[in-house]
Amino acid sequence: MASLKSQLNITLYRGFLDSGAYVWSPFVTKLEARLRFAGLAYKTEPGSLQKAPRGKIPYIAISKASSEPPTILADTTLICESLIENGLVDDLNADLSLVGKAQDLAFRALLEDKLYFYQVCAFSTIYSTYLYHSLNFHDHVHQLSQSHTHLKCQVPL
């Protein structure tokens, strides 16, 4: 399995240009965590909704050789299931009872289907507040610089 892991070329399409920055999507976070926990090397690309198989971010492309066309997988739950079936990541629920598996499913549904929208709302509120204040700050500095053109900065020698 270790040799197969090292032969794989995995590209994670995250929907964000900066490959080193955190992405607010819980689906991207979930998938990146699974890849990192398994020790799978991967590269990140922005991707696009138009090219995504299901019209959603994230999605991945996996190929076993550089000349082989990649297999494109979408939907984080289906991606994780495929990675488990191929022995690339561990099944984190393997030792759970049926009740534990049902609780896990319910908890994931809560996080992904319900709380996701609160996270998007929080992000958009924080981002719009940041933009509002940063733009107002720059406008204010620009207005001050325009209104005080008669002042010259004198640096003592």
N, C-alpha and C. Protein backbone atom coordinates (compact mmCIF):
# COMPACT_ATOMS: atom_id res chain seq x y z
N MET A 1 0.83 -1.20 0.00
CA MET A 1 0.00 0.00 0.00
C MET A 1 0.86 1.24 0.00
N ALA A 2 1.99 1.21 0.72
CA ALA A 2 2.86 2.38 0.76
C ALA A 2 3.40 2.69 -0.62
N SER A 3 3.74 1.65 -1.40
CA SER A 3 4.27 1.89 -2.73
C SER A 3 3.19 2.47 -3.65
N LEU A 4 1.95 2.01 -3.50
CA LEU A 4 0.85 2.56 -4.29
C LEU A 4 0.62 4.02 -3.94
N LYS A 5 0.70 4.35 -2.65
CA LYS A 5 0.53 5.74 -2.23
C LYS A 5 1.57 6.65 -2.86
N SER A 6 2.80 6.19 -2.94
CA SER A 6 3.86 7.03 -3.49
C SER A 6 3.76 7.16 -5.01
N GLN A 7 3.06 6.25 -5.67
CA GLN A 7 2.93 6.29 -7.12
C GLN A 7 1.75 7.14 -7.58
N LEU A 8 0.89 7.51 -6.67
CA LEU A 8 -0.31 8.25 -7.04
C LEU A 8 -0.03 9.73 -7.28
N ASN A 9 -0.70 10.26 -8.26
CA ASN A 9 -0.73 11.71 -8.48
C ASN A 9 -2.14 12.17 -8.13
N ILE A 10 -2.24 12.92 -7.04
CA ILE A 10 -3.55 13.39 -6.58
C ILE A 10 -3.58 14.90 -6.66
N THR A 11 -4.61 15.42 -7.30
CA THR A 11 -4.82 16.86 -7.36
C THR A 11 -6.16 17.15 -6.72
N LEU A 12 -6.14 18.03 -5.73
CA LEU A 12 -7.36 18.44 -5.03
C LEU A 12 -7.76 19.81 -5.55
N TYR A 13 -8.93 19.90 -6.12
CA TYR A 13 -9.46 21.17 -6.63
C TYR A 13 -10.32 21.79 -5.53
N ARG A 14 -9.80 22.89 -4.95
CA ARG A 14 -10.38 23.48 -3.75
C ARG A 14 -11.23 24.72 -4.00
N GLY A 15 -11.16 25.28 -5.20
CA GLY A 15 -11.95 26.48 -5.46
C GLY A 15 -11.31 27.76 -4.95
N PHE A 16 -10.02 27.73 -4.64
CA PHE A 16 -9.34 28.91 -4.10
C PHE A 16 -7.98 29.00 -4.75
N LEU A 17 -7.60 30.21 -5.17
CA LEU A 17 -6.36 30.37 -5.92
C LEU A 17 -5.10 30.10 -5.10
N ASP A 18 -5.06 30.58 -3.86
CA ASP A 18 -3.86 30.44 -3.04
C ASP A 18 -3.79 29.02 -2.47
N SER A 19 -2.81 28.25 -2.91
CA SER A 19 -2.74 26.85 -2.51
C SER A 19 -2.37 26.66 -1.04
N GLY A 20 -1.79 27.68 -0.41
CA GLY A 20 -1.40 27.53 0.98
C GLY A 20 -2.39 28.10 1.98
N ALA A 21 -3.42 28.76 1.50
CA ALA A 21 -4.38 29.42 2.38
C ALA A 21 -5.50 28.47 2.81
N TYR A 22 -6.02 28.74 3.98
CA TYR A 22 -7.15 27.96 4.48
C TYR A 22 -8.39 28.25 3.63
N VAL A 23 -9.15 27.23 3.34
CA VAL A 23 -10.40 27.37 2.60
C VAL A 23 -11.54 27.16 3.58
N TRP A 24 -12.50 28.06 3.57
CA TRP A 24 -13.59 28.04 4.55
C TRP A 24 -14.58 26.91 4.34
N SER A 25 -14.51 26.22 3.24
CA SER A 25 -15.47 25.15 2.98
C SER A 25 -15.19 23.96 3.90
N PRO A 26 -16.19 23.51 4.66
CA PRO A 26 -15.98 22.34 5.51
C PRO A 26 -15.74 21.07 4.68
N PHE A 27 -16.21 21.06 3.45
CA PHE A 27 -16.02 19.90 2.60
C PHE A 27 -14.56 19.79 2.16
N VAL A 28 -13.96 20.94 1.83
CA VAL A 28 -12.53 20.96 1.49
C VAL A 28 -11.71 20.57 2.71
N THR A 29 -12.06 21.13 3.87
CA THR A 29 -11.34 20.84 5.11
C THR A 29 -11.41 19.34 5.42
N LYS A 30 -12.60 18.76 5.28
CA LYS A 30 -12.78 17.33 5.55
C LYS A 30 -11.90 16.48 4.64
N LEU A 31 -11.89 16.81 3.36
CA LEU A 31 -11.12 16.03 2.40
C LEU A 31 -9.62 16.20 2.61
N GLU A 32 -9.18 17.44 2.85
CA GLU A 32 -7.75 17.66 3.10
C GLU A 32 -7.30 16.94 4.37
N ALA A 33 -8.14 16.94 5.38
CA ALA A 33 -7.79 16.25 6.62
C ALA A 33 -7.62 14.75 6.37
N ARG A 34 -8.53 14.16 5.62
CA ARG A 34 -8.44 12.71 5.33
C ARG A 34 -7.16 12.39 4.55
N LEU A 35 -6.82 13.23 3.57
CA LEU A 35 -5.61 13.00 2.79
C LEU A 35 -4.36 13.14 3.67
N ARG A 36 -4.35 14.14 4.52
CA ARG A 36 -3.19 14.35 5.40
C ARG A 36 -3.07 13.25 6.44
N PHE A 37 -4.19 12.85 7.04
CA PHE A 37 -4.16 11.77 8.04
C PHE A 37 -3.59 10.48 7.44
N ALA A 38 -3.90 10.24 6.17
CA ALA A 38 -3.45 9.02 5.51
C ALA A 38 -2.02 9.15 4.98
N GLY A 39 -1.45 10.34 5.05
CA GLY A 39 -0.09 10.54 4.55
C GLY A 39 -0.01 10.55 3.04
N LEU A 40 -1.11 10.87 2.37
CA LEU A 40 -1.12 10.92 0.91
C LEU A 40 -0.62 12.28 0.44
N ALA A 41 0.35 12.27 -0.45
CA ALA A 41 0.83 13.52 -1.04
C ALA A 41 -0.18 13.97 -2.09
N TYR A 42 -0.43 15.26 -2.12
CA TYR A 42 -1.36 15.81 -3.10
C TYR A 42 -0.97 17.25 -3.40
N LYS A 43 -1.43 17.72 -4.54
CA LYS A 43 -1.23 19.13 -4.86
C LYS A 43 -2.61 19.77 -4.96
N THR A 44 -2.65 21.08 -4.80
CA THR A 44 -3.93 21.78 -4.85
C THR A 44 -3.98 22.68 -6.07
N GLU A 45 -5.16 22.77 -6.62
CA GLU A 45 -5.45 23.65 -7.75
C GLU A 45 -6.78 24.34 -7.48
N PRO A 46 -7.00 25.49 -8.11
CA PRO A 46 -8.27 26.19 -7.86
C PRO A 46 -9.49 25.42 -8.36
N GLY A 47 -9.42 24.86 -9.56
CA GLY A 47 -10.60 24.19 -10.11
C GLY A 47 -11.68 25.19 -10.44
N SER A 48 -12.79 24.71 -10.92
CA SER A 48 -13.91 25.59 -11.23
C SER A 48 -15.21 24.80 -11.16
N LEU A 49 -16.28 25.50 -10.89
CA LEU A 49 -17.59 24.85 -10.83
C LEU A 49 -18.01 24.33 -12.19
N GLN A 50 -17.57 25.00 -13.27
CA GLN A 50 -17.92 24.56 -14.61
C GLN A 50 -17.26 23.22 -14.97
N LYS A 51 -16.04 23.00 -14.46
CA LYS A 51 -15.33 21.77 -14.77
C LYS A 51 -15.59 20.65 -13.76
N ALA A 52 -16.16 20.99 -12.63
CA ALA A 52 -16.43 20.00 -11.58
C ALA A 52 -17.47 18.99 -12.06
N PRO A 53 -17.25 17.71 -11.79
CA PRO A 53 -18.17 16.68 -12.27
C PRO A 53 -19.61 16.86 -11.79
N ARG A 54 -19.79 17.34 -10.60
CA ARG A 54 -21.15 17.53 -10.07
C ARG A 54 -21.48 19.01 -9.88
N GLY A 55 -20.60 19.87 -10.40
CA GLY A 55 -20.82 21.30 -10.28
C GLY A 55 -20.54 21.82 -8.88
N LYS A 56 -19.73 21.06 -8.11
CA LYS A 56 -19.42 21.45 -6.73
C LYS A 56 -17.93 21.32 -6.47
N ILE A 57 -17.46 22.15 -5.57
CA ILE A 57 -16.08 22.09 -5.08
C ILE A 57 -16.16 21.45 -3.70
N PRO A 58 -15.26 20.59 -3.30
CA PRO A 58 -14.05 20.13 -3.96
C PRO A 58 -14.29 18.90 -4.82
N TYR A 59 -13.31 18.63 -5.65
CA TYR A 59 -13.24 17.38 -6.38
C TYR A 59 -11.77 17.05 -6.55
N ILE A 60 -11.48 15.78 -6.83
CA ILE A 60 -10.08 15.37 -6.97
C ILE A 60 -9.87 14.63 -8.28
N ALA A 61 -8.62 14.66 -8.71
CA ALA A 61 -8.18 13.87 -9.87
C ALA A 61 -7.08 12.94 -9.37
N ILE A 62 -7.23 11.66 -9.64
CA ILE A 62 -6.24 10.67 -9.20
C ILE A 62 -5.77 9.88 -10.42
N SER A 63 -4.45 9.76 -10.55
CA SER A 63 -3.89 8.89 -11.58
C SER A 63 -2.72 8.12 -10.98
N LYS A 64 -2.50 6.93 -11.50
CA LYS A 64 -1.43 6.07 -10.97
C LYS A 64 -0.11 6.29 -11.70
N ALA A 65 -0.15 6.87 -12.86
CA ALA A 65 1.06 7.19 -13.62
C ALA A 65 0.84 8.52 -14.32
N SER A 66 1.91 9.20 -14.58
CA SER A 66 1.77 10.53 -15.18
C SER A 66 1.18 10.47 -16.59
N SER A 67 1.34 9.34 -17.28
CA SER A 67 0.81 9.22 -18.64
C SER A 67 -0.66 8.77 -18.66
N GLU A 68 -1.13 8.24 -17.55
CA GLU A 68 -2.50 7.74 -17.47
C GLU A 68 -3.48 8.90 -17.26
N PRO A 69 -4.61 8.89 -17.96
CA PRO A 69 -5.59 9.95 -17.71
C PRO A 69 -6.16 9.82 -16.29
N PRO A 70 -6.34 10.94 -15.61
CA PRO A 70 -6.80 10.86 -14.22
C PRO A 70 -8.27 10.48 -14.10
N THR A 71 -8.58 9.87 -12.97
CA THR A 71 -9.96 9.59 -12.61
C THR A 71 -10.43 10.77 -11.79
N ILE A 72 -11.55 11.36 -12.18
CA ILE A 72 -12.09 12.52 -11.47
C ILE A 72 -13.19 12.04 -10.54
N LEU A 73 -13.08 12.42 -9.26
CA LEU A 73 -14.08 12.05 -8.26
C LEU A 73 -14.64 13.31 -7.63
N ALA A 74 -15.93 13.30 -7.37
CA ALA A 74 -16.58 14.45 -6.75
C ALA A 74 -17.38 14.00 -5.53
N ASP A 75 -17.78 14.95 -4.72
CA ASP A 75 -18.55 14.73 -3.50
C ASP A 75 -17.66 14.09 -2.45
N THR A 76 -17.37 14.82 -1.39
CA THR A 76 -16.40 14.38 -0.39
C THR A 76 -16.75 13.02 0.21
N THR A 77 -18.01 12.75 0.42
CA THR A 77 -18.40 11.46 0.99
C THR A 77 -18.05 10.33 0.02
N LEU A 78 -18.36 10.53 -1.25
CA LEU A 78 -18.04 9.50 -2.26
C LEU A 78 -16.53 9.38 -2.47
N ILE A 79 -15.82 10.50 -2.40
CA ILE A 79 -14.36 10.46 -2.54
C ILE A 79 -13.75 9.65 -1.40
N CYS A 80 -14.19 9.94 -0.17
CA CYS A 80 -13.66 9.21 0.99
C CYS A 80 -13.98 7.72 0.90
N GLU A 81 -15.21 7.38 0.47
CA GLU A 81 -15.57 5.97 0.31
C GLU A 81 -14.68 5.28 -0.73
N SER A 82 -14.40 5.98 -1.83
CA SER A 82 -13.54 5.40 -2.86
C SER A 82 -12.12 5.21 -2.35
N LEU A 83 -11.62 6.18 -1.60
CA LEU A 83 -10.27 6.06 -1.05
C LEU A 83 -10.18 4.91 -0.05
N ILE A 84 -11.25 4.70 0.72
CA ILE A 84 -11.29 3.58 1.68
C ILE A 84 -11.33 2.25 0.93
N GLU A 85 -12.20 2.15 -0.09
CA GLU A 85 -12.33 0.91 -0.87
C GLU A 85 -11.02 0.51 -1.55
N ASN A 86 -10.23 1.52 -1.96
CA ASN A 86 -8.96 1.24 -2.62
C ASN A 86 -7.80 1.10 -1.65
N GLY A 87 -8.10 1.13 -0.35
CA GLY A 87 -7.07 0.93 0.67
C GLY A 87 -6.10 2.09 0.83
N LEU A 88 -6.50 3.27 0.39
CA LEU A 88 -5.60 4.43 0.48
C LEU A 88 -5.74 5.16 1.80
N VAL A 89 -6.91 5.12 2.40
CA VAL A 89 -7.13 5.72 3.71
C VAL A 89 -7.83 4.70 4.60
N ASP A 90 -7.68 4.87 5.89
CA ASP A 90 -8.32 3.96 6.84
C ASP A 90 -9.79 4.31 7.00
N ASP A 91 -10.59 3.31 7.25
CA ASP A 91 -12.01 3.52 7.57
C ASP A 91 -12.09 3.89 9.04
N LEU A 92 -12.36 5.16 9.31
CA LEU A 92 -12.39 5.64 10.69
C LEU A 92 -13.56 5.08 11.48
N ASN A 93 -14.55 4.54 10.80
CA ASN A 93 -15.74 3.99 11.46
C ASN A 93 -15.72 2.47 11.54
N ALA A 94 -14.64 1.85 11.15
CA ALA A 94 -14.59 0.38 11.08
C ALA A 94 -14.88 -0.28 12.42
N ASP A 95 -14.42 0.30 13.51
CA ASP A 95 -14.60 -0.32 14.82
C ASP A 95 -15.85 0.15 15.55
N LEU A 96 -16.67 0.98 14.92
CA LEU A 96 -17.88 1.47 15.58
C LEU A 96 -19.00 0.44 15.51
N SER A 97 -19.86 0.47 16.51
CA SER A 97 -21.07 -0.37 16.48
C SER A 97 -22.05 0.25 15.49
N LEU A 98 -23.15 -0.44 15.24
CA LEU A 98 -24.16 0.11 14.33
C LEU A 98 -24.72 1.43 14.88
N VAL A 99 -24.90 1.50 16.20
CA VAL A 99 -25.39 2.73 16.83
C VAL A 99 -24.35 3.84 16.64
N GLY A 100 -23.07 3.52 16.84
CA GLY A 100 -22.01 4.50 16.66
C GLY A 100 -21.93 5.00 15.23
N LYS A 101 -22.11 4.10 14.26
CA LYS A 101 -22.11 4.50 12.85
C LYS A 101 -23.30 5.40 12.53
N ALA A 102 -24.45 5.09 13.12
CA ALA A 102 -25.64 5.93 12.91
C ALA A 102 -25.43 7.32 13.53
N GLN A 103 -24.82 7.36 14.72
CA GLN A 103 -24.54 8.64 15.36
C GLN A 103 -23.54 9.45 14.54
N ASP A 104 -22.54 8.78 13.98
CA ASP A 104 -21.57 9.46 13.13
C ASP A 104 -22.25 10.05 11.90
N LEU A 105 -23.11 9.28 11.28
CA LEU A 105 -23.84 9.75 10.11
C LEU A 105 -24.71 10.96 10.46
N ALA A 106 -25.39 10.90 11.60
CA ALA A 106 -26.24 12.01 12.03
C ALA A 106 -25.40 13.27 12.31
N PHE A 107 -24.26 13.08 12.95
CA PHE A 107 -23.40 14.21 13.27
C PHE A 107 -22.84 14.84 12.00
N ARG A 108 -22.42 14.02 11.03
CA ARG A 108 -21.92 14.55 9.76
C ARG A 108 -23.03 15.28 9.01
N ALA A 109 -24.24 14.74 9.04
CA ALA A 109 -25.37 15.41 8.38
C ALA A 109 -25.62 16.77 9.02
N LEU A 110 -25.55 16.83 10.34
CA LEU A 110 -25.72 18.10 11.04
C LEU A 110 -24.67 19.10 10.60
N LEU A 111 -23.41 18.68 10.59
CA LEU A 111 -22.32 19.58 10.24
C LEU A 111 -22.36 20.00 8.78
N GLU A 112 -22.60 19.05 7.89
CA GLU A 112 -22.50 19.33 6.47
C GLU A 112 -23.77 19.94 5.88
N ASP A 113 -24.92 19.51 6.34
CA ASP A 113 -26.17 19.96 5.74
C ASP A 113 -26.82 21.13 6.46
N LYS A 114 -26.56 21.27 7.74
CA LYS A 114 -27.24 22.31 8.51
C LYS A 114 -26.29 23.44 8.91
N LEU A 115 -25.21 23.10 9.60
CA LEU A 115 -24.31 24.13 10.11
C LEU A 115 -23.44 24.77 9.03
N TYR A 116 -23.33 24.13 7.88
CA TYR A 116 -22.54 24.67 6.78
C TYR A 116 -23.01 26.09 6.42
N PHE A 117 -24.31 26.28 6.39
CA PHE A 117 -24.85 27.57 5.99
C PHE A 117 -24.56 28.66 7.02
N TYR A 118 -24.48 28.28 8.29
CA TYR A 118 -24.09 29.25 9.32
C TYR A 118 -22.63 29.64 9.13
N GLN A 119 -21.80 28.69 8.76
CA GLN A 119 -20.39 28.99 8.53
C GLN A 119 -20.24 29.93 7.33
N VAL A 120 -20.98 29.68 6.27
CA VAL A 120 -20.94 30.56 5.10
C VAL A 120 -21.40 31.96 5.48
N CYS A 121 -22.45 32.04 6.26
CA CYS A 121 -22.97 33.33 6.70
C CYS A 121 -21.92 34.06 7.55
N ALA A 122 -21.28 33.34 8.47
CA ALA A 122 -20.26 33.95 9.31
C ALA A 122 -19.09 34.44 8.47
N PHE A 123 -18.66 33.62 7.51
CA PHE A 123 -17.55 34.02 6.66
C PHE A 123 -17.90 35.26 5.86
N SER A 124 -19.09 35.26 5.25
CA SER A 124 -19.45 36.41 4.42
C SER A 124 -19.60 37.68 5.26
N THR A 125 -20.07 37.55 6.50
CA THR A 125 -20.18 38.71 7.39
C THR A 125 -18.79 39.23 7.75
N ILE A 126 -17.90 38.33 8.12
CA ILE A 126 -16.54 38.74 8.48
C ILE A 126 -15.84 39.37 7.28
N TYR A 127 -15.96 38.73 6.12
CA TYR A 127 -15.28 39.22 4.92
C TYR A 127 -15.83 40.58 4.49
N SER A 128 -17.16 40.73 4.50
CA SER A 128 -17.73 42.01 4.09
C SER A 128 -17.38 43.11 5.08
N THR A 129 -17.32 42.78 6.38
CA THR A 129 -16.90 43.78 7.38
C THR A 129 -15.46 44.18 7.15
N TYR A 130 -14.61 43.21 6.86
CA TYR A 130 -13.21 43.51 6.56
C TYR A 130 -13.11 44.42 5.35
N LEU A 131 -13.81 44.08 4.27
CA LEU A 131 -13.77 44.90 3.06
C LEU A 131 -14.28 46.31 3.33
N TYR A 132 -15.38 46.42 4.08
CA TYR A 132 -15.95 47.72 4.38
C TYR A 132 -14.94 48.59 5.12
N HIS A 133 -14.33 48.02 6.15
CA HIS A 133 -13.39 48.81 6.95
C HIS A 133 -12.09 49.09 6.19
N SER A 134 -11.60 48.13 5.43
CA SER A 134 -10.35 48.38 4.71
C SER A 134 -10.57 49.40 3.61
N LEU A 135 -11.70 49.34 2.91
CA LEU A 135 -11.97 50.31 1.86
C LEU A 135 -12.19 51.69 2.45
N ASN A 136 -12.92 51.77 3.55
CA ASN A 136 -13.14 53.06 4.19
C ASN A 136 -11.83 53.64 4.71
N PHE A 137 -10.96 52.81 5.23
CA PHE A 137 -9.67 53.28 5.72
C PHE A 137 -8.86 53.87 4.58
N HIS A 138 -8.80 53.15 3.46
CA HIS A 138 -8.02 53.64 2.32
C HIS A 138 -8.64 54.90 1.73
N ASP A 139 -9.97 54.96 1.67
CA ASP A 139 -10.64 56.18 1.19
C ASP A 139 -10.33 57.35 2.11
N HIS A 140 -10.35 57.11 3.41
CA HIS A 140 -10.08 58.16 4.39
C HIS A 140 -8.64 58.67 4.25
N VAL A 141 -7.69 57.76 4.11
CA VAL A 141 -6.29 58.16 3.95
C VAL A 141 -6.12 58.94 2.65
N HIS A 142 -6.78 58.49 1.58
CA HIS A 142 -6.69 59.19 0.31
C HIS A 142 -7.28 60.60 0.43
N GLN A 143 -8.42 60.73 1.08
CA GLN A 143 -9.04 62.06 1.27
C GLN A 143 -8.12 62.96 2.08
N LEU A 144 -7.51 62.43 3.13
CA LEU A 144 -6.60 63.23 3.94
C LEU A 144 -5.39 63.68 3.12
N SER A 145 -4.86 62.78 2.32
CA SER A 145 -3.68 63.15 1.53
C SER A 145 -4.03 64.20 0.49
N GLN A 146 -5.25 64.16 -0.04
CA GLN A 146 -5.67 65.15 -1.03
C GLN A 146 -5.97 66.51 -0.39
N SER A 147 -6.53 66.49 0.80
CA SER A 147 -6.90 67.75 1.45
C SER A 147 -5.72 68.43 2.13
N HIS A 148 -4.64 67.72 2.34
CA HIS A 148 -3.48 68.30 3.02
C HIS A 148 -2.26 68.34 2.10
N THR A 149 -2.48 68.67 0.84
CA THR A 149 -1.36 68.71 -0.09
C THR A 149 -0.43 69.87 0.19
N HIS A 150 -0.93 70.89 0.89
CA HIS A 150 -0.08 72.05 1.18
C HIS A 150 0.94 71.75 2.28
N LEU A 151 0.71 70.67 3.05
CA LEU A 151 1.65 70.32 4.11
C LEU A 151 2.81 69.52 3.51
N LYS A 152 3.98 69.90 3.92
CA LYS A 152 5.16 69.17 3.45
C LYS A 152 5.84 68.55 4.65
N CYS A 153 6.26 67.35 4.48
CA CYS A 153 6.95 66.65 5.53
C CYS A 153 8.42 67.09 5.52
N GLN A 154 8.86 67.60 6.64
CA GLN A 154 10.26 68.00 6.73
C GLN A 154 10.98 67.05 7.66
N VAL A 155 12.02 66.46 7.13
CA VAL A 155 12.80 65.52 7.92
C VAL A 155 14.04 66.24 8.40
N PRO A 156 14.23 66.31 9.73
CA PRO A 156 15.43 67.00 10.23
C PRO A 156 16.70 66.24 9.83
N LEU A 157 17.71 66.98 9.46
CA LEU A 157 18.98 66.37 9.09
C LEU A 157 19.88 66.22 10.27
